[in-house]
Amino acid sequence: MILVAKNLKKTYRTPQPVEVLSDVSLSLERGASIAICGRSGEGKTTLLHILGTLESPDSGVLEIAGTLSTRSLAPSLRRRSIGFVFQSFNLLEDFTALENVLMPAKILRHFASRKEGIELLASVGLAHRADFPAKLLSGGERQRVAIARALCNDPSLILADEPSGNLDAANALAVGDLLLSLVRERNKSLILATHDTRLASLCQTTYHLAAGKLYPIA
């Protein structure tokens, strides 16, 4: 298993106690894909943040790539084993597409060549935009750069939070198809949170998150 989560619980205490996750368990095999659907405010982003070690649960166990996630190990697990795709892209606007793609390697102090970065951009159809500042790219292009960046350190797991949420219908369709095809081609595991039922249907398994619990959708 690439990811095993058991009995995750999370309650936000302010301004008043709100239980966001209640006894959530989930497992994911290598090469498998899961979609998590649900209304806004049900905790999809919180769950992805916990699975990605960006946030800690109040209780429960999380294991990624055979390693138990702890507070001290979480940063290393996150950098080496997880690639993120965010709804808001989270690119460095004044850096080029290529510099954004190679940033995870730079953070890990791994050498990654321009050629490797160009190859990642080519995989999302943007090799010709390598030297464009991110702020000059369209929304669809920015999300493609974000997908290429997520693959930079060759992570086992990709977590995508509403990857088509800020895009028009045509770009949402193209970006969704691209993400799923790259995950399959590179044998990555994927968990995505989405309102897009078509995008969810491309995944092997779909869950609905409501009232803090996950329910499988047949």
N, C-alpha and C. Protein backbone atom coordinates (compact mmCIF):
# COMPACT_ATOMS: atom_id res chain seq x y z
N MET A 1 0.82 -1.19 0.00
CA MET A 1 0.00 0.00 0.00
C MET A 1 0.87 1.26 0.00
N ILE A 2 0.46 2.23 -0.80
CA ILE A 2 1.15 3.52 -0.79
C ILE A 2 0.69 4.36 0.38
N LEU A 3 -0.60 4.26 0.71
CA LEU A 3 -1.12 5.06 1.83
C LEU A 3 -2.12 4.24 2.61
N VAL A 4 -1.99 4.31 3.93
CA VAL A 4 -2.96 3.69 4.83
C VAL A 4 -3.28 4.71 5.92
N ALA A 5 -4.54 5.08 6.02
CA ALA A 5 -5.00 5.99 7.07
C ALA A 5 -6.05 5.26 7.90
N LYS A 6 -5.90 5.35 9.21
CA LYS A 6 -6.82 4.64 10.10
C LYS A 6 -7.36 5.58 11.17
N ASN A 7 -8.69 5.64 11.24
CA ASN A 7 -9.38 6.31 12.34
C ASN A 7 -8.97 7.77 12.53
N LEU A 8 -8.86 8.49 11.41
CA LEU A 8 -8.48 9.90 11.49
C LEU A 8 -9.63 10.73 12.03
N LYS A 9 -9.31 11.59 12.99
CA LYS A 9 -10.29 12.51 13.56
C LYS A 9 -9.70 13.92 13.57
N LYS A 10 -10.58 14.90 13.32
CA LYS A 10 -10.13 16.29 13.35
C LYS A 10 -11.29 17.18 13.76
N THR A 11 -11.05 18.00 14.78
CA THR A 11 -12.03 18.97 15.24
C THR A 11 -11.36 20.33 15.32
N TYR A 12 -11.98 21.33 14.72
CA TYR A 12 -11.50 22.71 14.86
C TYR A 12 -12.18 23.32 16.09
N ARG A 13 -11.38 23.97 16.92
CA ARG A 13 -11.87 24.42 18.23
C ARG A 13 -12.44 25.83 18.23
N THR A 14 -12.03 26.65 17.27
CA THR A 14 -12.47 28.04 17.28
C THR A 14 -13.12 28.40 15.95
N PRO A 15 -14.07 29.31 15.94
CA PRO A 15 -14.63 30.05 17.11
C PRO A 15 -15.51 29.19 18.00
N GLN A 16 -15.91 28.00 17.46
CA GLN A 16 -16.62 27.02 18.28
C GLN A 16 -16.27 25.64 17.75
N PRO A 17 -16.35 24.61 18.59
CA PRO A 17 -15.94 23.26 18.15
C PRO A 17 -16.76 22.76 16.96
N VAL A 18 -16.04 22.33 15.91
CA VAL A 18 -16.67 21.74 14.74
C VAL A 18 -15.90 20.48 14.37
N GLU A 19 -16.56 19.34 14.44
CA GLU A 19 -15.91 18.09 14.06
C GLU A 19 -15.93 17.97 12.54
N VAL A 20 -14.74 17.98 11.94
CA VAL A 20 -14.63 17.94 10.48
C VAL A 20 -14.48 16.51 9.99
N LEU A 21 -13.66 15.74 10.68
CA LEU A 21 -13.45 14.34 10.32
C LEU A 21 -13.73 13.46 11.53
N SER A 22 -14.48 12.39 11.30
CA SER A 22 -14.84 11.50 12.40
C SER A 22 -14.55 10.06 12.01
N ASP A 23 -13.43 9.55 12.50
CA ASP A 23 -13.10 8.12 12.31
C ASP A 23 -13.00 7.75 10.83
N VAL A 24 -12.19 8.51 10.08
CA VAL A 24 -12.01 8.26 8.65
C VAL A 24 -10.86 7.29 8.43
N SER A 25 -11.11 6.24 7.67
CA SER A 25 -10.08 5.27 7.29
C SER A 25 -10.06 5.13 5.78
N LEU A 26 -8.86 4.95 5.23
CA LEU A 26 -8.70 4.92 3.78
C LEU A 26 -7.39 4.23 3.45
N SER A 27 -7.39 3.45 2.37
CA SER A 27 -6.14 2.84 1.90
C SER A 27 -6.06 2.97 0.39
N LEU A 28 -4.82 3.03 -0.09
CA LEU A 28 -4.59 3.25 -1.52
C LEU A 28 -3.41 2.42 -1.99
N GLU A 29 -3.62 1.64 -3.06
CA GLU A 29 -2.56 0.83 -3.62
C GLU A 29 -1.77 1.61 -4.67
N ARG A 30 -0.57 1.14 -4.97
CA ARG A 30 0.24 1.77 -6.01
C ARG A 30 -0.50 1.71 -7.34
N GLY A 31 -0.53 2.84 -8.02
CA GLY A 31 -1.17 2.91 -9.32
C GLY A 31 -2.67 3.11 -9.28
N ALA A 32 -3.25 3.13 -8.08
CA ALA A 32 -4.70 3.28 -7.95
C ALA A 32 -5.08 4.76 -7.83
N SER A 33 -6.35 5.05 -8.10
CA SER A 33 -6.83 6.43 -8.02
C SER A 33 -8.15 6.49 -7.26
N ILE A 34 -8.27 7.51 -6.42
CA ILE A 34 -9.47 7.71 -5.60
C ILE A 34 -9.95 9.13 -5.76
N ALA A 35 -11.25 9.30 -5.93
CA ALA A 35 -11.87 10.62 -5.92
C ALA A 35 -12.69 10.77 -4.64
N ILE A 36 -12.56 11.94 -4.01
CA ILE A 36 -13.35 12.26 -2.82
C ILE A 36 -14.25 13.43 -3.16
N CYS A 37 -15.55 13.17 -3.13
CA CYS A 37 -16.54 14.19 -3.47
C CYS A 37 -17.27 14.64 -2.22
N GLY A 38 -17.96 15.75 -2.33
CA GLY A 38 -18.72 16.26 -1.20
C GLY A 38 -18.94 17.75 -1.34
N ARG A 39 -19.88 18.27 -0.58
CA ARG A 39 -20.19 19.69 -0.64
C ARG A 39 -19.05 20.52 -0.05
N SER A 40 -18.99 21.79 -0.42
CA SER A 40 -18.03 22.71 0.18
C SER A 40 -18.26 22.76 1.69
N GLY A 41 -17.17 22.77 2.43
CA GLY A 41 -17.26 22.84 3.88
C GLY A 41 -17.36 21.51 4.57
N GLU A 42 -17.37 20.41 3.81
CA GLU A 42 -17.48 19.08 4.42
C GLU A 42 -16.13 18.53 4.87
N GLY A 43 -15.03 19.18 4.48
CA GLY A 43 -13.73 18.74 4.99
C GLY A 43 -12.83 18.06 4.00
N LYS A 44 -13.13 18.17 2.69
CA LYS A 44 -12.30 17.50 1.69
C LYS A 44 -10.87 18.03 1.72
N THR A 45 -10.73 19.35 1.78
CA THR A 45 -9.38 19.93 1.80
C THR A 45 -8.65 19.56 3.08
N THR A 46 -9.36 19.59 4.20
CA THR A 46 -8.74 19.18 5.47
C THR A 46 -8.22 17.76 5.39
N LEU A 47 -9.03 16.86 4.82
CA LEU A 47 -8.60 15.47 4.69
C LEU A 47 -7.36 15.36 3.81
N LEU A 48 -7.35 16.05 2.69
CA LEU A 48 -6.17 16.00 1.81
C LEU A 48 -4.94 16.58 2.51
N HIS A 49 -5.12 17.65 3.26
CA HIS A 49 -3.99 18.23 3.99
C HIS A 49 -3.43 17.25 5.02
N ILE A 50 -4.30 16.51 5.68
CA ILE A 50 -3.83 15.51 6.65
C ILE A 50 -3.14 14.35 5.94
N LEU A 51 -3.73 13.87 4.85
CA LEU A 51 -3.10 12.78 4.10
C LEU A 51 -1.77 13.21 3.51
N GLY A 52 -1.63 14.51 3.23
CA GLY A 52 -0.38 15.03 2.69
C GLY A 52 0.59 15.54 3.73
N THR A 53 0.28 15.30 5.01
CA THR A 53 1.11 15.70 6.15
C THR A 53 1.26 17.21 6.29
N LEU A 54 0.40 17.98 5.63
CA LEU A 54 0.43 19.43 5.80
C LEU A 54 -0.26 19.85 7.10
N GLU A 55 -1.07 18.95 7.62
CA GLU A 55 -1.84 19.21 8.83
C GLU A 55 -1.88 17.92 9.63
N SER A 56 -1.97 18.03 10.94
CA SER A 56 -1.99 16.84 11.79
C SER A 56 -3.41 16.53 12.24
N PRO A 57 -3.77 15.25 12.29
CA PRO A 57 -5.08 14.88 12.85
C PRO A 57 -5.04 14.98 14.36
N ASP A 58 -6.19 15.06 14.98
CA ASP A 58 -6.25 15.01 16.44
C ASP A 58 -5.90 13.62 16.94
N SER A 59 -6.29 12.62 16.16
CA SER A 59 -5.96 11.23 16.49
C SER A 59 -6.05 10.40 15.22
N GLY A 60 -5.51 9.20 15.29
CA GLY A 60 -5.48 8.33 14.12
C GLY A 60 -4.06 8.08 13.65
N VAL A 61 -3.94 7.19 12.67
CA VAL A 61 -2.63 6.75 12.18
C VAL A 61 -2.56 6.95 10.67
N LEU A 62 -1.42 7.45 10.21
CA LEU A 62 -1.19 7.64 8.78
C LEU A 62 0.15 7.04 8.41
N GLU A 63 0.13 6.16 7.40
CA GLU A 63 1.35 5.54 6.90
C GLU A 63 1.47 5.82 5.41
N ILE A 64 2.64 6.31 4.99
CA ILE A 64 2.87 6.63 3.59
C ILE A 64 4.10 5.90 3.10
N ALA A 65 3.94 5.15 2.02
CA ALA A 65 5.05 4.40 1.43
C ALA A 65 5.78 3.56 2.47
N GLY A 66 5.01 2.95 3.36
CA GLY A 66 5.58 2.06 4.36
C GLY A 66 6.17 2.73 5.57
N THR A 67 6.06 4.05 5.67
CA THR A 67 6.62 4.79 6.80
C THR A 67 5.51 5.47 7.58
N LEU A 68 5.52 5.26 8.89
CA LEU A 68 4.54 5.89 9.75
C LEU A 68 4.82 7.39 9.83
N SER A 69 3.81 8.18 9.56
CA SER A 69 3.98 9.63 9.61
C SER A 69 3.92 10.12 11.06
N THR A 70 4.96 10.81 11.46
CA THR A 70 5.01 11.46 12.77
C THR A 70 5.31 12.93 12.55
N ARG A 71 5.20 13.71 13.59
CA ARG A 71 5.45 15.15 13.45
C ARG A 71 6.86 15.42 12.94
N SER A 72 7.83 14.63 13.40
CA SER A 72 9.22 14.85 12.99
C SER A 72 9.51 14.34 11.58
N LEU A 73 8.82 13.27 11.18
CA LEU A 73 9.08 12.67 9.86
C LEU A 73 8.22 13.28 8.75
N ALA A 74 7.17 14.00 9.12
CA ALA A 74 6.22 14.50 8.13
C ALA A 74 6.87 15.35 7.04
N PRO A 75 7.76 16.31 7.37
CA PRO A 75 8.35 17.13 6.30
C PRO A 75 9.13 16.31 5.28
N SER A 76 9.89 15.33 5.75
CA SER A 76 10.67 14.49 4.84
C SER A 76 9.76 13.62 3.98
N LEU A 77 8.73 13.04 4.58
CA LEU A 77 7.77 12.24 3.82
C LEU A 77 7.09 13.07 2.74
N ARG A 78 6.72 14.27 3.11
CA ARG A 78 6.02 15.17 2.19
C ARG A 78 6.89 15.52 1.00
N ARG A 79 8.14 15.85 1.25
CA ARG A 79 9.04 16.28 0.17
C ARG A 79 9.40 15.13 -0.76
N ARG A 80 9.55 13.93 -0.20
CA ARG A 80 10.07 12.82 -1.01
C ARG A 80 8.99 11.94 -1.63
N SER A 81 7.82 11.88 -1.02
CA SER A 81 6.84 10.88 -1.45
C SER A 81 5.55 11.45 -1.99
N ILE A 82 5.34 12.79 -1.87
CA ILE A 82 4.04 13.37 -2.22
C ILE A 82 4.20 14.54 -3.17
N GLY A 83 3.38 14.56 -4.22
CA GLY A 83 3.29 15.71 -5.11
C GLY A 83 1.91 16.33 -4.96
N PHE A 84 1.84 17.66 -4.92
CA PHE A 84 0.58 18.37 -4.69
C PHE A 84 0.16 19.15 -5.93
N VAL A 85 -1.14 19.13 -6.20
CA VAL A 85 -1.75 19.99 -7.21
C VAL A 85 -2.89 20.73 -6.52
N PHE A 86 -2.78 22.06 -6.46
CA PHE A 86 -3.75 22.86 -5.74
C PHE A 86 -4.71 23.58 -6.69
N GLN A 87 -5.90 23.87 -6.19
CA GLN A 87 -6.89 24.60 -6.99
C GLN A 87 -6.34 25.96 -7.42
N SER A 88 -5.61 26.63 -6.53
CA SER A 88 -5.13 27.98 -6.80
C SER A 88 -3.73 27.98 -7.43
N PHE A 89 -3.29 26.83 -7.91
CA PHE A 89 -2.02 26.66 -8.65
C PHE A 89 -0.79 26.76 -7.73
N ASN A 90 -0.73 27.82 -6.90
CA ASN A 90 0.39 28.02 -5.97
C ASN A 90 1.74 28.08 -6.68
N LEU A 91 1.79 28.76 -7.82
CA LEU A 91 3.05 28.97 -8.52
C LEU A 91 3.71 30.25 -8.02
N LEU A 92 5.02 30.33 -8.18
CA LEU A 92 5.76 31.56 -7.91
C LEU A 92 5.65 32.44 -9.15
N GLU A 93 4.87 33.51 -9.06
CA GLU A 93 4.44 34.27 -10.22
C GLU A 93 5.59 34.88 -11.03
N ASP A 94 6.66 35.30 -10.35
CA ASP A 94 7.76 35.95 -11.05
C ASP A 94 8.83 34.97 -11.52
N PHE A 95 8.64 33.70 -11.21
CA PHE A 95 9.56 32.67 -11.69
C PHE A 95 9.00 32.08 -12.98
N THR A 96 9.89 31.55 -13.79
CA THR A 96 9.45 30.96 -15.06
C THR A 96 8.75 29.63 -14.82
N ALA A 97 8.08 29.16 -15.85
CA ALA A 97 7.44 27.84 -15.78
C ALA A 97 8.47 26.78 -15.41
N LEU A 98 9.63 26.83 -16.05
CA LEU A 98 10.68 25.85 -15.78
C LEU A 98 11.17 25.94 -14.34
N GLU A 99 11.38 27.14 -13.83
CA GLU A 99 11.85 27.31 -12.45
C GLU A 99 10.82 26.79 -11.47
N ASN A 100 9.55 26.99 -11.75
CA ASN A 100 8.50 26.46 -10.88
C ASN A 100 8.51 24.93 -10.88
N VAL A 101 8.66 24.34 -12.04
CA VAL A 101 8.67 22.88 -12.15
C VAL A 101 9.82 22.27 -11.36
N LEU A 102 10.97 22.91 -11.40
CA LEU A 102 12.17 22.36 -10.75
C LEU A 102 12.29 22.75 -9.28
N MET A 103 11.37 23.57 -8.77
CA MET A 103 11.47 24.04 -7.39
C MET A 103 11.49 22.91 -6.36
N PRO A 104 10.67 21.84 -6.50
CA PRO A 104 10.75 20.77 -5.50
C PRO A 104 12.14 20.14 -5.40
N ALA A 105 12.82 19.99 -6.54
CA ALA A 105 14.18 19.44 -6.52
C ALA A 105 15.14 20.40 -5.82
N LYS A 106 14.94 21.68 -6.06
CA LYS A 106 15.80 22.69 -5.42
C LYS A 106 15.61 22.68 -3.91
N ILE A 107 14.38 22.54 -3.47
CA ILE A 107 14.10 22.48 -2.04
C ILE A 107 14.77 21.27 -1.40
N LEU A 108 14.77 20.13 -2.12
CA LEU A 108 15.42 18.92 -1.62
C LEU A 108 16.93 18.93 -1.83
N ARG A 109 17.42 19.98 -2.50
CA ARG A 109 18.84 20.10 -2.84
C ARG A 109 19.30 18.94 -3.71
N HIS A 110 18.38 18.53 -4.59
CA HIS A 110 18.69 17.54 -5.61
C HIS A 110 19.02 18.26 -6.90
N PHE A 111 19.97 17.73 -7.63
CA PHE A 111 20.25 18.33 -8.94
C PHE A 111 19.21 17.87 -9.94
N ALA A 112 18.61 18.82 -10.61
CA ALA A 112 17.68 18.51 -11.70
C ALA A 112 18.03 19.43 -12.85
N SER A 113 18.30 18.85 -13.99
CA SER A 113 18.79 19.63 -15.12
C SER A 113 17.65 20.35 -15.84
N ARG A 114 18.03 21.34 -16.64
CA ARG A 114 17.06 22.02 -17.48
C ARG A 114 16.37 21.01 -18.40
N LYS A 115 17.14 20.05 -18.89
CA LYS A 115 16.58 19.04 -19.79
C LYS A 115 15.47 18.26 -19.09
N GLU A 116 15.69 17.87 -17.83
CA GLU A 116 14.67 17.14 -17.09
C GLU A 116 13.41 17.99 -16.90
N GLY A 117 13.62 19.27 -16.62
CA GLY A 117 12.49 20.16 -16.45
C GLY A 117 11.70 20.34 -17.74
N ILE A 118 12.43 20.48 -18.85
CA ILE A 118 11.78 20.62 -20.15
C ILE A 118 10.98 19.36 -20.47
N GLU A 119 11.53 18.21 -20.13
CA GLU A 119 10.81 16.95 -20.39
C GLU A 119 9.50 16.89 -19.60
N LEU A 120 9.53 17.37 -18.36
CA LEU A 120 8.30 17.41 -17.57
C LEU A 120 7.30 18.38 -18.18
N LEU A 121 7.78 19.54 -18.61
CA LEU A 121 6.88 20.49 -19.26
C LEU A 121 6.34 19.92 -20.57
N ALA A 122 7.16 19.19 -21.29
CA ALA A 122 6.71 18.57 -22.53
C ALA A 122 5.59 17.56 -22.26
N SER A 123 5.67 16.89 -21.12
CA SER A 123 4.65 15.88 -20.78
C SER A 123 3.28 16.52 -20.57
N VAL A 124 3.26 17.83 -20.28
CA VAL A 124 1.98 18.53 -20.13
C VAL A 124 1.75 19.51 -21.29
N GLY A 125 2.55 19.37 -22.35
CA GLY A 125 2.36 20.16 -23.55
C GLY A 125 2.82 21.59 -23.46
N LEU A 126 3.81 21.88 -22.59
CA LEU A 126 4.21 23.27 -22.37
C LEU A 126 5.72 23.50 -22.49
N ALA A 127 6.42 22.66 -23.21
CA ALA A 127 7.86 22.87 -23.37
C ALA A 127 8.14 24.24 -23.97
N HIS A 128 7.27 24.72 -24.83
CA HIS A 128 7.47 26.01 -25.50
C HIS A 128 7.23 27.19 -24.56
N ARG A 129 6.73 26.94 -23.36
CA ARG A 129 6.50 28.00 -22.37
C ARG A 129 7.54 27.98 -21.25
N ALA A 130 8.60 27.22 -21.41
CA ALA A 130 9.56 27.01 -20.33
C ALA A 130 10.08 28.30 -19.72
N ASP A 131 10.37 29.30 -20.53
CA ASP A 131 10.99 30.52 -20.04
C ASP A 131 10.01 31.67 -19.84
N PHE A 132 8.71 31.36 -19.88
CA PHE A 132 7.68 32.37 -19.61
C PHE A 132 7.49 32.51 -18.10
N PRO A 133 7.44 33.73 -17.57
CA PRO A 133 7.05 33.89 -16.17
C PRO A 133 5.65 33.33 -15.94
N ALA A 134 5.45 32.73 -14.79
CA ALA A 134 4.16 32.12 -14.50
C ALA A 134 3.01 33.12 -14.60
N LYS A 135 3.27 34.37 -14.28
CA LYS A 135 2.21 35.37 -14.29
C LYS A 135 1.70 35.68 -15.70
N LEU A 136 2.45 35.26 -16.72
CA LEU A 136 2.02 35.50 -18.09
C LEU A 136 1.28 34.30 -18.69
N LEU A 137 1.13 33.24 -17.93
CA LEU A 137 0.46 32.04 -18.43
C LEU A 137 -1.04 32.11 -18.15
N SER A 138 -1.81 31.43 -18.97
CA SER A 138 -3.25 31.33 -18.75
C SER A 138 -3.52 30.40 -17.56
N GLY A 139 -4.77 30.39 -17.10
CA GLY A 139 -5.12 29.52 -15.99
C GLY A 139 -4.88 28.05 -16.30
N GLY A 140 -5.27 27.62 -17.49
CA GLY A 140 -5.04 26.23 -17.87
C GLY A 140 -3.56 25.89 -17.94
N GLU A 141 -2.76 26.82 -18.45
CA GLU A 141 -1.31 26.59 -18.52
C GLU A 141 -0.70 26.55 -17.13
N ARG A 142 -1.16 27.40 -16.24
CA ARG A 142 -0.63 27.38 -14.87
C ARG A 142 -0.91 26.04 -14.19
N GLN A 143 -2.10 25.51 -14.40
CA GLN A 143 -2.40 24.24 -13.76
C GLN A 143 -1.59 23.10 -14.38
N ARG A 144 -1.29 23.20 -15.66
CA ARG A 144 -0.42 22.19 -16.28
C ARG A 144 0.99 22.27 -15.70
N VAL A 145 1.48 23.48 -15.50
CA VAL A 145 2.80 23.65 -14.86
C VAL A 145 2.76 23.05 -13.45
N ALA A 146 1.67 23.26 -12.73
CA ALA A 146 1.54 22.72 -11.39
C ALA A 146 1.56 21.19 -11.40
N ILE A 147 0.95 20.59 -12.42
CA ILE A 147 0.98 19.13 -12.54
C ILE A 147 2.40 18.65 -12.81
N ALA A 148 3.11 19.34 -13.71
CA ALA A 148 4.50 18.97 -13.99
C ALA A 148 5.35 19.12 -12.73
N ARG A 149 5.14 20.19 -11.97
CA ARG A 149 5.88 20.39 -10.71
C ARG A 149 5.61 19.27 -9.73
N ALA A 150 4.37 18.80 -9.66
CA ALA A 150 4.03 17.72 -8.73
C ALA A 150 4.79 16.44 -9.03
N LEU A 151 5.22 16.28 -10.28
CA LEU A 151 5.93 15.06 -10.69
C LEU A 151 7.44 15.19 -10.56
N CYS A 152 7.93 16.36 -10.19
CA CYS A 152 9.36 16.65 -10.27
C CYS A 152 10.23 15.67 -9.48
N ASN A 153 9.85 15.40 -8.24
CA ASN A 153 10.67 14.52 -7.39
C ASN A 153 10.26 13.05 -7.50
N ASP A 154 9.51 12.72 -8.56
CA ASP A 154 9.06 11.35 -8.80
C ASP A 154 8.37 10.76 -7.56
N PRO A 155 7.35 11.46 -7.03
CA PRO A 155 6.68 10.97 -5.82
C PRO A 155 5.82 9.74 -6.11
N SER A 156 5.56 8.98 -5.06
CA SER A 156 4.68 7.82 -5.19
C SER A 156 3.22 8.23 -5.24
N LEU A 157 2.90 9.35 -4.58
CA LEU A 157 1.52 9.75 -4.35
C LEU A 157 1.29 11.17 -4.85
N ILE A 158 0.21 11.38 -5.59
CA ILE A 158 -0.21 12.70 -6.02
C ILE A 158 -1.52 13.03 -5.31
N LEU A 159 -1.56 14.20 -4.67
CA LEU A 159 -2.78 14.69 -4.03
C LEU A 159 -3.23 15.94 -4.78
N ALA A 160 -4.46 15.94 -5.26
CA ALA A 160 -4.97 17.05 -6.05
C ALA A 160 -6.24 17.59 -5.42
N ASP A 161 -6.23 18.86 -5.06
CA ASP A 161 -7.38 19.50 -4.41
C ASP A 161 -8.11 20.38 -5.40
N GLU A 162 -9.26 19.93 -5.89
CA GLU A 162 -10.05 20.66 -6.88
C GLU A 162 -9.18 21.15 -8.04
N PRO A 163 -8.46 20.26 -8.73
CA PRO A 163 -7.51 20.70 -9.76
C PRO A 163 -8.15 21.42 -10.94
N SER A 164 -9.45 21.24 -11.13
CA SER A 164 -10.14 21.91 -12.23
C SER A 164 -11.05 23.03 -11.74
N GLY A 165 -10.98 23.33 -10.43
CA GLY A 165 -11.94 24.24 -9.83
C GLY A 165 -11.86 25.68 -10.31
N ASN A 166 -10.67 26.15 -10.70
CA ASN A 166 -10.51 27.53 -11.13
C ASN A 166 -10.45 27.68 -12.65
N LEU A 167 -10.88 26.65 -13.37
CA LEU A 167 -10.76 26.66 -14.82
C LEU A 167 -12.12 26.66 -15.49
N ASP A 168 -12.15 27.18 -16.72
CA ASP A 168 -13.39 27.10 -17.49
C ASP A 168 -13.62 25.66 -17.92
N ALA A 169 -14.80 25.39 -18.46
CA ALA A 169 -15.20 24.01 -18.75
C ALA A 169 -14.22 23.29 -19.67
N ALA A 170 -13.78 23.98 -20.74
CA ALA A 170 -12.88 23.34 -21.70
C ALA A 170 -11.55 23.00 -21.07
N ASN A 171 -10.96 23.96 -20.31
CA ASN A 171 -9.68 23.71 -19.66
C ASN A 171 -9.81 22.68 -18.55
N ALA A 172 -10.92 22.71 -17.83
CA ALA A 172 -11.14 21.73 -16.77
C ALA A 172 -11.12 20.31 -17.34
N LEU A 173 -11.79 20.15 -18.47
CA LEU A 173 -11.83 18.84 -19.13
C LEU A 173 -10.43 18.40 -19.55
N ALA A 174 -9.67 19.30 -20.17
CA ALA A 174 -8.34 18.96 -20.66
C ALA A 174 -7.38 18.66 -19.52
N VAL A 175 -7.41 19.49 -18.47
CA VAL A 175 -6.50 19.29 -17.34
C VAL A 175 -6.83 18.01 -16.59
N GLY A 176 -8.12 17.72 -16.41
CA GLY A 176 -8.51 16.48 -15.75
C GLY A 176 -8.03 15.25 -16.50
N ASP A 177 -8.25 15.25 -17.81
CA ASP A 177 -7.80 14.12 -18.63
C ASP A 177 -6.28 13.97 -18.57
N LEU A 178 -5.57 15.11 -18.62
CA LEU A 178 -4.11 15.08 -18.58
C LEU A 178 -3.60 14.51 -17.26
N LEU A 179 -4.16 14.97 -16.16
CA LEU A 179 -3.73 14.50 -14.85
C LEU A 179 -3.91 12.99 -14.72
N LEU A 180 -5.08 12.50 -15.08
CA LEU A 180 -5.33 11.06 -14.94
C LEU A 180 -4.46 10.24 -15.88
N SER A 181 -4.21 10.73 -17.10
CA SER A 181 -3.38 9.98 -18.04
C SER A 181 -1.94 9.92 -17.56
N LEU A 182 -1.42 11.01 -17.00
CA LEU A 182 -0.04 11.01 -16.49
C LEU A 182 0.09 10.09 -15.28
N VAL A 183 -0.91 10.08 -14.42
CA VAL A 183 -0.89 9.20 -13.26
C VAL A 183 -0.82 7.74 -13.71
N ARG A 184 -1.63 7.40 -14.72
CA ARG A 184 -1.61 6.02 -15.22
C ARG A 184 -0.28 5.68 -15.89
N GLU A 185 0.19 6.57 -16.76
CA GLU A 185 1.43 6.32 -17.49
C GLU A 185 2.63 6.14 -16.57
N ARG A 186 2.67 6.90 -15.49
CA ARG A 186 3.83 6.88 -14.59
C ARG A 186 3.61 6.01 -13.36
N ASN A 187 2.50 5.30 -13.33
CA ASN A 187 2.20 4.37 -12.24
C ASN A 187 2.20 5.08 -10.88
N LYS A 188 1.60 6.25 -10.85
CA LYS A 188 1.46 6.98 -9.59
C LYS A 188 0.13 6.63 -8.94
N SER A 189 0.04 6.90 -7.66
CA SER A 189 -1.22 6.78 -6.94
C SER A 189 -1.81 8.17 -6.79
N LEU A 190 -3.13 8.28 -6.88
CA LEU A 190 -3.78 9.59 -6.89
C LEU A 190 -4.97 9.61 -5.94
N ILE A 191 -5.04 10.69 -5.15
CA ILE A 191 -6.24 11.02 -4.41
C ILE A 191 -6.61 12.44 -4.78
N LEU A 192 -7.81 12.62 -5.28
CA LEU A 192 -8.23 13.97 -5.64
C LEU A 192 -9.56 14.31 -5.00
N ALA A 193 -9.67 15.55 -4.59
CA ALA A 193 -10.94 16.08 -4.09
C ALA A 193 -11.54 16.91 -5.20
N THR A 194 -12.82 16.69 -5.49
CA THR A 194 -13.41 17.39 -6.63
C THR A 194 -14.92 17.50 -6.50
N HIS A 195 -15.46 18.59 -7.09
CA HIS A 195 -16.90 18.72 -7.28
C HIS A 195 -17.31 18.18 -8.66
N ASP A 196 -16.32 17.95 -9.49
CA ASP A 196 -16.55 17.60 -10.90
C ASP A 196 -16.86 16.10 -11.00
N THR A 197 -18.11 15.77 -11.24
CA THR A 197 -18.50 14.36 -11.28
C THR A 197 -17.85 13.62 -12.45
N ARG A 198 -17.61 14.33 -13.56
CA ARG A 198 -16.94 13.68 -14.69
C ARG A 198 -15.51 13.32 -14.32
N LEU A 199 -14.79 14.24 -13.67
CA LEU A 199 -13.42 13.97 -13.24
C LEU A 199 -13.39 12.83 -12.23
N ALA A 200 -14.33 12.84 -11.32
CA ALA A 200 -14.40 11.76 -10.33
C ALA A 200 -14.62 10.41 -11.01
N SER A 201 -15.40 10.40 -12.08
CA SER A 201 -15.72 9.14 -12.76
C SER A 201 -14.50 8.52 -13.44
N LEU A 202 -13.44 9.32 -13.65
CA LEU A 202 -12.23 8.79 -14.26
C LEU A 202 -11.38 8.01 -13.27
N CYS A 203 -11.66 8.18 -11.99
CA CYS A 203 -10.91 7.47 -10.96
C CYS A 203 -11.50 6.07 -10.74
N GLN A 204 -10.69 5.20 -10.19
CA GLN A 204 -11.13 3.82 -10.00
C GLN A 204 -12.15 3.68 -8.88
N THR A 205 -12.02 4.52 -7.85
CA THR A 205 -12.90 4.44 -6.69
C THR A 205 -13.34 5.85 -6.31
N THR A 206 -14.61 6.00 -5.94
CA THR A 206 -15.13 7.29 -5.53
C THR A 206 -15.75 7.20 -4.14
N TYR A 207 -15.45 8.19 -3.31
CA TYR A 207 -16.04 8.29 -1.98
C TYR A 207 -16.78 9.61 -1.85
N HIS A 208 -17.78 9.61 -0.99
CA HIS A 208 -18.50 10.84 -0.66
C HIS A 208 -18.19 11.17 0.80
N LEU A 209 -17.74 12.40 1.05
CA LEU A 209 -17.45 12.84 2.41
C LEU A 209 -18.61 13.69 2.92
N ALA A 210 -19.22 13.25 3.99
CA ALA A 210 -20.36 13.99 4.56
C ALA A 210 -20.38 13.74 6.06
N ALA A 211 -20.64 14.81 6.81
CA ALA A 211 -20.74 14.72 8.26
C ALA A 211 -19.52 14.04 8.87
N GLY A 212 -18.35 14.30 8.26
CA GLY A 212 -17.10 13.81 8.82
C GLY A 212 -16.76 12.38 8.50
N LYS A 213 -17.58 11.71 7.67
CA LYS A 213 -17.33 10.31 7.38
C LYS A 213 -17.25 10.08 5.87
N LEU A 214 -16.49 9.06 5.47
CA LEU A 214 -16.35 8.68 4.07
C LEU A 214 -17.28 7.54 3.74
N TYR A 215 -18.01 7.70 2.62
CA TYR A 215 -18.92 6.65 2.17
C TYR A 215 -18.55 6.26 0.74
N PRO A 216 -18.27 4.98 0.49
CA PRO A 216 -17.96 4.54 -0.87
C PRO A 216 -19.18 4.68 -1.78
N ILE A 217 -18.93 5.11 -3.03
CA ILE A 217 -19.98 5.22 -4.02
C ILE A 217 -19.83 4.10 -5.02
N ALA A 218 -20.83 3.29 -5.17
CA ALA A 218 -20.76 2.13 -6.07
C ALA A 218 -20.70 2.59 -7.51
